[in-house]
Structures are given as C-alpha cells and as structure tokens.
N, C-alpha and C. Protein backbone atom coordinates (compact mmCIF):
# COMPACT_ATOMS: atom_id res chain seq x y z
N UNK A 1 -17.43 -56.00 9.02
CA UNK A 1 -16.01 -55.92 9.35
C UNK A 1 -15.62 -57.24 10.01
N UNK A 2 -14.52 -57.83 9.52
CA UNK A 2 -14.12 -59.11 10.09
C UNK A 2 -13.39 -58.93 11.42
N UNK A 3 -13.21 -60.05 12.10
CA UNK A 3 -12.64 -60.08 13.44
C UNK A 3 -11.23 -59.50 13.48
N UNK A 4 -10.40 -59.88 12.51
CA UNK A 4 -9.01 -59.41 12.49
C UNK A 4 -8.95 -57.90 12.30
N UNK A 5 -9.75 -57.38 11.37
CA UNK A 5 -9.76 -55.93 11.15
C UNK A 5 -10.26 -55.20 12.39
N UNK A 6 -11.27 -55.74 13.04
CA UNK A 6 -11.77 -55.13 14.28
C UNK A 6 -10.65 -55.07 15.33
N UNK A 7 -9.88 -56.14 15.46
CA UNK A 7 -8.76 -56.16 16.41
C UNK A 7 -7.71 -55.11 16.04
N UNK A 8 -7.40 -55.02 14.75
CA UNK A 8 -6.39 -54.05 14.31
C UNK A 8 -6.84 -52.62 14.61
N UNK A 9 -8.09 -52.32 14.29
CA UNK A 9 -8.61 -50.97 14.54
C UNK A 9 -8.64 -50.68 16.04
N UNK A 10 -9.07 -51.65 16.83
CA UNK A 10 -9.10 -51.46 18.28
C UNK A 10 -7.71 -51.14 18.83
N UNK A 11 -6.71 -51.85 18.32
CA UNK A 11 -5.35 -51.61 18.78
C UNK A 11 -4.89 -50.21 18.41
N UNK A 12 -5.17 -49.77 17.20
CA UNK A 12 -4.77 -48.43 16.78
C UNK A 12 -5.49 -47.36 17.59
N UNK A 13 -6.74 -47.60 17.94
CA UNK A 13 -7.47 -46.66 18.80
C UNK A 13 -6.83 -46.61 20.18
N UNK A 14 -6.51 -47.78 20.75
CA UNK A 14 -5.84 -47.82 22.05
C UNK A 14 -4.53 -47.04 22.01
N UNK A 15 -3.78 -47.23 20.94
CA UNK A 15 -2.50 -46.53 20.79
C UNK A 15 -2.72 -45.02 20.73
N UNK A 16 -3.67 -44.60 19.93
CA UNK A 16 -3.94 -43.16 19.79
C UNK A 16 -4.39 -42.54 21.11
N UNK A 17 -5.07 -43.31 21.93
CA UNK A 17 -5.55 -42.82 23.22
C UNK A 17 -4.53 -42.96 24.34
N UNK A 18 -3.42 -43.65 24.09
CA UNK A 18 -2.46 -43.95 25.15
C UNK A 18 -1.84 -42.71 25.79
N UNK A 19 -1.80 -41.61 25.06
CA UNK A 19 -1.25 -40.36 25.63
C UNK A 19 -2.36 -39.39 26.04
N UNK A 20 -3.61 -39.89 26.06
CA UNK A 20 -4.78 -39.10 26.44
C UNK A 20 -5.04 -37.92 25.51
N UNK A 21 -4.49 -37.98 24.28
CA UNK A 21 -4.69 -36.93 23.28
C UNK A 21 -4.95 -37.61 21.94
N UNK A 22 -6.19 -37.75 21.54
CA UNK A 22 -6.52 -38.35 20.25
C UNK A 22 -6.50 -37.23 19.22
N UNK A 23 -5.33 -37.00 18.66
CA UNK A 23 -5.11 -35.91 17.71
C UNK A 23 -5.91 -36.15 16.43
N UNK A 24 -6.32 -35.06 15.78
CA UNK A 24 -7.08 -35.18 14.52
C UNK A 24 -6.29 -35.90 13.44
N UNK A 25 -4.97 -35.70 13.39
CA UNK A 25 -4.16 -36.38 12.38
C UNK A 25 -4.10 -37.88 12.66
N UNK A 26 -4.10 -38.26 13.93
CA UNK A 26 -4.14 -39.69 14.29
C UNK A 26 -5.49 -40.29 13.87
N UNK A 27 -6.55 -39.56 14.13
CA UNK A 27 -7.88 -40.02 13.75
C UNK A 27 -8.00 -40.13 12.23
N UNK A 28 -7.44 -39.17 11.51
CA UNK A 28 -7.49 -39.19 10.05
C UNK A 28 -6.75 -40.42 9.51
N UNK A 29 -5.58 -40.73 10.06
CA UNK A 29 -4.86 -41.93 9.62
C UNK A 29 -5.67 -43.18 9.92
N UNK A 30 -6.25 -43.24 11.11
CA UNK A 30 -7.05 -44.40 11.50
C UNK A 30 -8.23 -44.60 10.56
N UNK A 31 -8.92 -43.52 10.22
CA UNK A 31 -10.06 -43.60 9.30
C UNK A 31 -9.59 -44.09 7.92
N UNK A 32 -8.47 -43.57 7.46
CA UNK A 32 -7.92 -43.98 6.15
C UNK A 32 -7.55 -45.46 6.18
N UNK A 33 -6.86 -45.89 7.23
CA UNK A 33 -6.47 -47.29 7.39
C UNK A 33 -7.69 -48.20 7.34
N UNK A 34 -8.69 -47.88 8.15
CA UNK A 34 -9.86 -48.75 8.27
C UNK A 34 -10.72 -48.74 7.01
N UNK A 35 -10.96 -47.56 6.45
CA UNK A 35 -11.81 -47.50 5.26
C UNK A 35 -11.15 -48.15 4.05
N UNK A 36 -9.81 -48.09 3.97
CA UNK A 36 -9.11 -48.74 2.85
C UNK A 36 -9.20 -50.26 2.94
N UNK A 37 -9.62 -50.76 4.09
CA UNK A 37 -9.78 -52.20 4.29
C UNK A 37 -11.25 -52.60 4.36
N UNK A 38 -12.12 -51.66 3.98
CA UNK A 38 -13.54 -51.98 3.85
C UNK A 38 -14.42 -51.65 5.04
N UNK A 39 -13.88 -51.06 6.08
CA UNK A 39 -14.70 -50.69 7.23
C UNK A 39 -15.51 -49.44 6.90
N UNK A 40 -16.72 -49.40 7.39
CA UNK A 40 -17.59 -48.24 7.18
C UNK A 40 -17.26 -47.16 8.20
N UNK A 41 -17.38 -45.90 7.78
CA UNK A 41 -17.09 -44.78 8.68
C UNK A 41 -17.93 -44.84 9.95
N UNK A 42 -19.18 -45.27 9.83
CA UNK A 42 -20.05 -45.34 11.01
C UNK A 42 -19.53 -46.39 12.00
N UNK A 43 -19.00 -47.51 11.48
CA UNK A 43 -18.43 -48.54 12.36
C UNK A 43 -17.19 -48.02 13.07
N UNK A 44 -16.35 -47.32 12.32
CA UNK A 44 -15.11 -46.78 12.89
C UNK A 44 -15.44 -45.75 13.97
N UNK A 45 -16.39 -44.86 13.67
CA UNK A 45 -16.79 -43.84 14.64
C UNK A 45 -17.32 -44.48 15.92
N UNK A 46 -18.10 -45.54 15.77
CA UNK A 46 -18.64 -46.25 16.94
C UNK A 46 -17.50 -46.83 17.79
N UNK A 47 -16.50 -47.39 17.12
CA UNK A 47 -15.36 -47.96 17.84
C UNK A 47 -14.54 -46.88 18.53
N UNK A 48 -14.39 -45.73 17.89
CA UNK A 48 -13.64 -44.63 18.50
C UNK A 48 -14.39 -44.09 19.73
N UNK A 49 -15.71 -43.97 19.61
CA UNK A 49 -16.51 -43.42 20.70
C UNK A 49 -16.69 -44.41 21.85
N UNK A 50 -16.53 -45.70 21.59
CA UNK A 50 -16.68 -46.74 22.61
C UNK A 50 -15.52 -47.72 22.52
N UNK A 51 -14.30 -47.26 22.82
CA UNK A 51 -13.14 -48.13 22.67
C UNK A 51 -13.21 -49.34 23.61
N UNK A 52 -12.72 -50.47 23.12
CA UNK A 52 -12.66 -51.69 23.93
C UNK A 52 -11.23 -52.21 23.91
N UNK A 53 -10.82 -52.90 24.97
CA UNK A 53 -9.47 -53.46 24.98
C UNK A 53 -9.27 -54.44 23.82
N UNK A 54 -8.09 -54.43 23.28
CA UNK A 54 -7.79 -55.27 22.12
C UNK A 54 -7.71 -56.75 22.48
N UNK A 55 -7.11 -57.05 23.62
CA UNK A 55 -6.94 -58.44 24.00
C UNK A 55 -5.83 -59.10 23.20
N UNK A 56 -5.99 -60.39 22.95
CA UNK A 56 -4.98 -61.19 22.26
C UNK A 56 -4.84 -60.80 20.79
N UNK A 57 -3.61 -60.93 20.30
CA UNK A 57 -3.32 -60.67 18.88
C UNK A 57 -2.81 -61.95 18.20
N UNK A 58 -3.03 -63.08 18.85
CA UNK A 58 -2.50 -64.35 18.36
C UNK A 58 -3.05 -64.75 17.00
N UNK A 59 -4.25 -64.29 16.66
CA UNK A 59 -4.87 -64.71 15.40
C UNK A 59 -4.24 -64.05 14.17
N UNK A 60 -3.40 -63.05 14.39
CA UNK A 60 -2.76 -62.37 13.26
C UNK A 60 -1.62 -63.22 12.71
N UNK A 61 -1.53 -63.27 11.38
CA UNK A 61 -0.39 -63.96 10.78
C UNK A 61 0.80 -63.01 10.75
N UNK A 62 1.95 -63.53 10.33
CA UNK A 62 3.20 -62.76 10.35
C UNK A 62 3.08 -61.44 9.59
N UNK A 63 2.54 -61.47 8.38
CA UNK A 63 2.44 -60.25 7.58
C UNK A 63 1.43 -59.27 8.17
N UNK A 64 0.34 -59.76 8.75
CA UNK A 64 -0.63 -58.88 9.41
C UNK A 64 0.01 -58.18 10.61
N UNK A 65 0.86 -58.90 11.32
CA UNK A 65 1.56 -58.30 12.46
C UNK A 65 2.49 -57.18 12.00
N UNK A 66 3.22 -57.43 10.91
CA UNK A 66 4.13 -56.42 10.39
C UNK A 66 3.34 -55.20 9.92
N UNK A 67 2.26 -55.45 9.19
CA UNK A 67 1.42 -54.34 8.71
C UNK A 67 0.85 -53.54 9.88
N UNK A 68 0.45 -54.24 10.92
CA UNK A 68 -0.10 -53.55 12.08
C UNK A 68 0.97 -52.73 12.80
N UNK A 69 2.19 -53.26 12.91
CA UNK A 69 3.26 -52.50 13.54
C UNK A 69 3.58 -51.25 12.73
N UNK A 70 3.61 -51.36 11.40
CA UNK A 70 3.85 -50.19 10.55
C UNK A 70 2.73 -49.17 10.76
N UNK A 71 1.49 -49.64 10.82
CA UNK A 71 0.36 -48.73 11.05
C UNK A 71 0.45 -48.07 12.42
N UNK A 72 0.89 -48.81 13.41
CA UNK A 72 1.09 -48.22 14.74
C UNK A 72 2.11 -47.08 14.66
N UNK A 73 3.20 -47.33 13.94
CA UNK A 73 4.21 -46.28 13.77
C UNK A 73 3.63 -45.04 13.11
N UNK A 74 2.77 -45.24 12.11
CA UNK A 74 2.16 -44.11 11.42
C UNK A 74 1.22 -43.33 12.33
N UNK A 75 0.51 -44.03 13.20
CA UNK A 75 -0.37 -43.33 14.16
C UNK A 75 0.47 -42.50 15.12
N UNK A 76 1.54 -43.07 15.62
CA UNK A 76 2.39 -42.37 16.59
C UNK A 76 2.98 -41.10 16.01
N UNK A 77 3.44 -41.14 14.77
CA UNK A 77 4.08 -39.95 14.19
C UNK A 77 3.09 -39.02 13.49
N UNK A 78 1.83 -39.41 13.41
CA UNK A 78 0.84 -38.62 12.66
C UNK A 78 0.74 -37.18 13.14
N UNK A 79 0.84 -36.97 14.44
CA UNK A 79 0.72 -35.61 14.97
C UNK A 79 2.06 -34.89 15.08
N UNK A 80 3.13 -35.53 14.60
CA UNK A 80 4.45 -34.91 14.61
C UNK A 80 5.18 -35.00 15.94
N UNK A 81 4.58 -35.69 16.92
CA UNK A 81 5.19 -35.82 18.24
C UNK A 81 5.16 -37.28 18.66
N UNK A 82 6.32 -37.82 19.02
CA UNK A 82 6.38 -39.19 19.54
C UNK A 82 6.29 -39.09 21.06
N UNK A 83 5.10 -39.32 21.56
CA UNK A 83 4.87 -39.25 23.00
C UNK A 83 5.43 -40.50 23.67
N UNK A 84 6.04 -40.37 24.86
CA UNK A 84 6.59 -41.54 25.56
C UNK A 84 5.55 -42.64 25.81
N UNK A 85 4.31 -42.24 26.09
CA UNK A 85 3.26 -43.23 26.34
C UNK A 85 2.96 -44.05 25.08
N UNK A 86 2.99 -43.38 23.94
CA UNK A 86 2.73 -44.08 22.68
C UNK A 86 3.88 -45.04 22.35
N UNK A 87 5.09 -44.59 22.58
CA UNK A 87 6.26 -45.43 22.32
C UNK A 87 6.24 -46.66 23.24
N UNK A 88 5.93 -46.46 24.50
CA UNK A 88 5.83 -47.57 25.46
C UNK A 88 4.75 -48.54 25.04
N UNK A 89 3.61 -48.02 24.60
CA UNK A 89 2.53 -48.87 24.13
C UNK A 89 3.00 -49.71 22.94
N UNK A 90 3.72 -49.09 22.02
CA UNK A 90 4.24 -49.84 20.87
C UNK A 90 5.23 -50.92 21.30
N UNK A 91 6.07 -50.64 22.28
CA UNK A 91 6.99 -51.65 22.79
C UNK A 91 6.20 -52.86 23.31
N UNK A 92 5.12 -52.59 24.04
CA UNK A 92 4.30 -53.66 24.60
C UNK A 92 3.63 -54.48 23.49
N UNK A 93 3.14 -53.81 22.46
CA UNK A 93 2.51 -54.49 21.33
C UNK A 93 3.54 -55.36 20.60
N UNK A 94 4.72 -54.80 20.35
CA UNK A 94 5.77 -55.55 19.67
C UNK A 94 6.11 -56.82 20.45
N UNK A 95 6.21 -56.69 21.75
CA UNK A 95 6.53 -57.85 22.60
C UNK A 95 5.42 -58.90 22.50
N UNK A 96 4.15 -58.46 22.55
CA UNK A 96 3.02 -59.39 22.44
C UNK A 96 3.05 -60.15 21.12
N UNK A 97 3.54 -59.49 20.07
CA UNK A 97 3.55 -60.11 18.75
C UNK A 97 4.85 -60.85 18.46
N UNK A 98 5.75 -60.89 19.43
CA UNK A 98 6.98 -61.65 19.28
C UNK A 98 8.13 -60.91 18.62
N UNK A 99 8.04 -59.58 18.57
CA UNK A 99 9.10 -58.78 17.98
C UNK A 99 9.98 -58.18 19.08
N UNK A 100 11.22 -57.88 18.73
CA UNK A 100 12.14 -57.23 19.65
C UNK A 100 11.77 -55.75 19.78
N UNK A 101 12.14 -55.18 20.90
CA UNK A 101 11.90 -53.76 21.17
C UNK A 101 12.50 -52.87 20.08
N UNK A 102 13.61 -53.29 19.50
CA UNK A 102 14.30 -52.50 18.49
C UNK A 102 13.49 -52.25 17.23
N UNK A 103 12.50 -53.12 16.93
CA UNK A 103 11.70 -52.89 15.73
C UNK A 103 10.89 -51.60 15.88
N UNK A 104 10.49 -51.29 17.10
CA UNK A 104 9.74 -50.05 17.34
C UNK A 104 10.63 -48.85 17.04
N UNK A 105 11.85 -48.89 17.54
CA UNK A 105 12.79 -47.79 17.27
C UNK A 105 13.04 -47.64 15.77
N UNK A 106 13.20 -48.78 15.07
CA UNK A 106 13.39 -48.76 13.62
C UNK A 106 12.19 -48.10 12.94
N UNK A 107 10.99 -48.52 13.31
CA UNK A 107 9.79 -47.97 12.67
C UNK A 107 9.63 -46.48 12.94
N UNK A 108 9.78 -46.08 14.19
CA UNK A 108 9.57 -44.67 14.51
C UNK A 108 10.62 -43.77 13.86
N UNK A 109 11.79 -44.31 13.64
CA UNK A 109 12.85 -43.53 12.98
C UNK A 109 12.58 -43.40 11.48
N UNK A 110 11.96 -44.41 10.87
CA UNK A 110 11.87 -44.48 9.41
C UNK A 110 10.48 -44.37 8.81
N UNK A 111 9.43 -44.45 9.62
CA UNK A 111 8.07 -44.56 9.08
C UNK A 111 7.67 -43.36 8.22
N UNK A 112 8.19 -42.20 8.52
CA UNK A 112 7.85 -41.00 7.74
C UNK A 112 8.76 -40.77 6.54
N UNK A 113 9.93 -41.40 6.53
CA UNK A 113 10.91 -41.09 5.50
C UNK A 113 11.08 -42.17 4.43
N UNK A 114 10.52 -43.35 4.65
CA UNK A 114 10.69 -44.46 3.70
C UNK A 114 9.37 -44.82 3.04
N UNK A 115 9.40 -45.24 1.79
CA UNK A 115 8.19 -45.80 1.18
C UNK A 115 7.79 -47.06 1.95
N UNK A 116 6.49 -47.32 2.02
CA UNK A 116 6.00 -48.43 2.86
C UNK A 116 6.61 -49.78 2.48
N UNK A 117 6.76 -50.04 1.19
CA UNK A 117 7.33 -51.33 0.77
C UNK A 117 8.75 -51.48 1.31
N UNK A 118 9.55 -50.43 1.17
CA UNK A 118 10.93 -50.46 1.66
C UNK A 118 10.96 -50.58 3.19
N UNK A 119 10.06 -49.89 3.84
CA UNK A 119 9.96 -49.95 5.30
C UNK A 119 9.67 -51.38 5.76
N UNK A 120 8.72 -52.03 5.11
CA UNK A 120 8.38 -53.41 5.47
C UNK A 120 9.54 -54.37 5.18
N UNK A 121 10.24 -54.16 4.07
CA UNK A 121 11.40 -55.00 3.76
C UNK A 121 12.47 -54.84 4.83
N UNK A 122 12.72 -53.61 5.24
CA UNK A 122 13.69 -53.35 6.30
C UNK A 122 13.25 -53.95 7.62
N UNK A 123 11.95 -53.90 7.87
CA UNK A 123 11.39 -54.50 9.08
C UNK A 123 11.67 -56.00 9.07
N UNK A 124 11.44 -56.65 7.93
CA UNK A 124 11.68 -58.09 7.81
C UNK A 124 13.14 -58.42 8.07
N UNK A 125 14.04 -57.62 7.53
CA UNK A 125 15.46 -57.84 7.76
C UNK A 125 15.80 -57.64 9.23
N UNK A 126 15.21 -56.64 9.83
CA UNK A 126 15.50 -56.32 11.22
C UNK A 126 14.90 -57.36 12.17
N UNK A 127 13.66 -57.76 11.89
CA UNK A 127 12.94 -58.65 12.80
C UNK A 127 13.26 -60.13 12.54
N UNK A 128 13.69 -60.45 11.33
CA UNK A 128 13.91 -61.84 10.98
C UNK A 128 12.61 -62.52 10.61
N UNK A 129 12.71 -63.64 9.98
CA UNK A 129 11.52 -64.40 9.58
C UNK A 129 11.02 -65.22 10.77
N UNK A 130 9.71 -65.55 10.78
CA UNK A 130 9.18 -66.34 11.89
C UNK A 130 9.80 -67.73 11.90
N UNK A 131 9.91 -68.27 13.11
CA UNK A 131 10.53 -69.57 13.25
C UNK A 131 9.60 -70.72 13.10
C-alpha cells in the first residue's frame, strides 16, 4: 500500500471514530474504498485495530483531495446519521486541504443523492480550481 493511500485510509478511520461509534456501514464503506484501490483486507484491519493520526495531507494533489472529501462524505452518511462530531471533523479536514467550510455542507447534502461524477463536478464548481 502506498503512502498516499495509507494517509487516505487513516483519515477515513479517524473520521469514522470521531463520534466514538465505528458503525458497520462505515467500516463496510472503508473496506470497499481501500480494497478498490488495492489495499489488502489484512492491512485495512490492522489499520482499523491500531489507528494512527493522519498528520499532514499536503502530499495529496487537487483531485486526490476532492476524492478524499467525497469519501469522507460517504463515511459520514453511511450509517444514516450525520453526527456533529463527524461534521466538525470534515470541516477541519476541508480547511487543512484548502477548501471552504461550505464544501462539506454541499457534500453532506448531496453525497447520497447524486452520481459520483456529478457530485465531483459540482464540488469543482463550488470549490473552484486550485490557484
């Protein structure tokens, strides 16, 4: 598993744990996300059982940041409940990645109802292109 994928998975684990309830649907999404990118189930399980702080996200390019924000939105809504702790965590992540707080609201409102391609296009329009 490469460094960027490890960072992405770590962040999603931190997000899922932010409300102290790692729901099975959140775990299922995380497993699907990681395995679709080549991570082994044993590696993912190890990371879930021994979570580590994500740290800096500077190494992510613009599209990786957008993909990660969309994935964060999917983790938050996976259990059908948007917990305040999860939303706050997403606001902090968006800020670290240079996005406005409003992108989180956009994602959480639309992540379940829009196809992913359309969601990302709307995100780009909302967030603007990198400078």
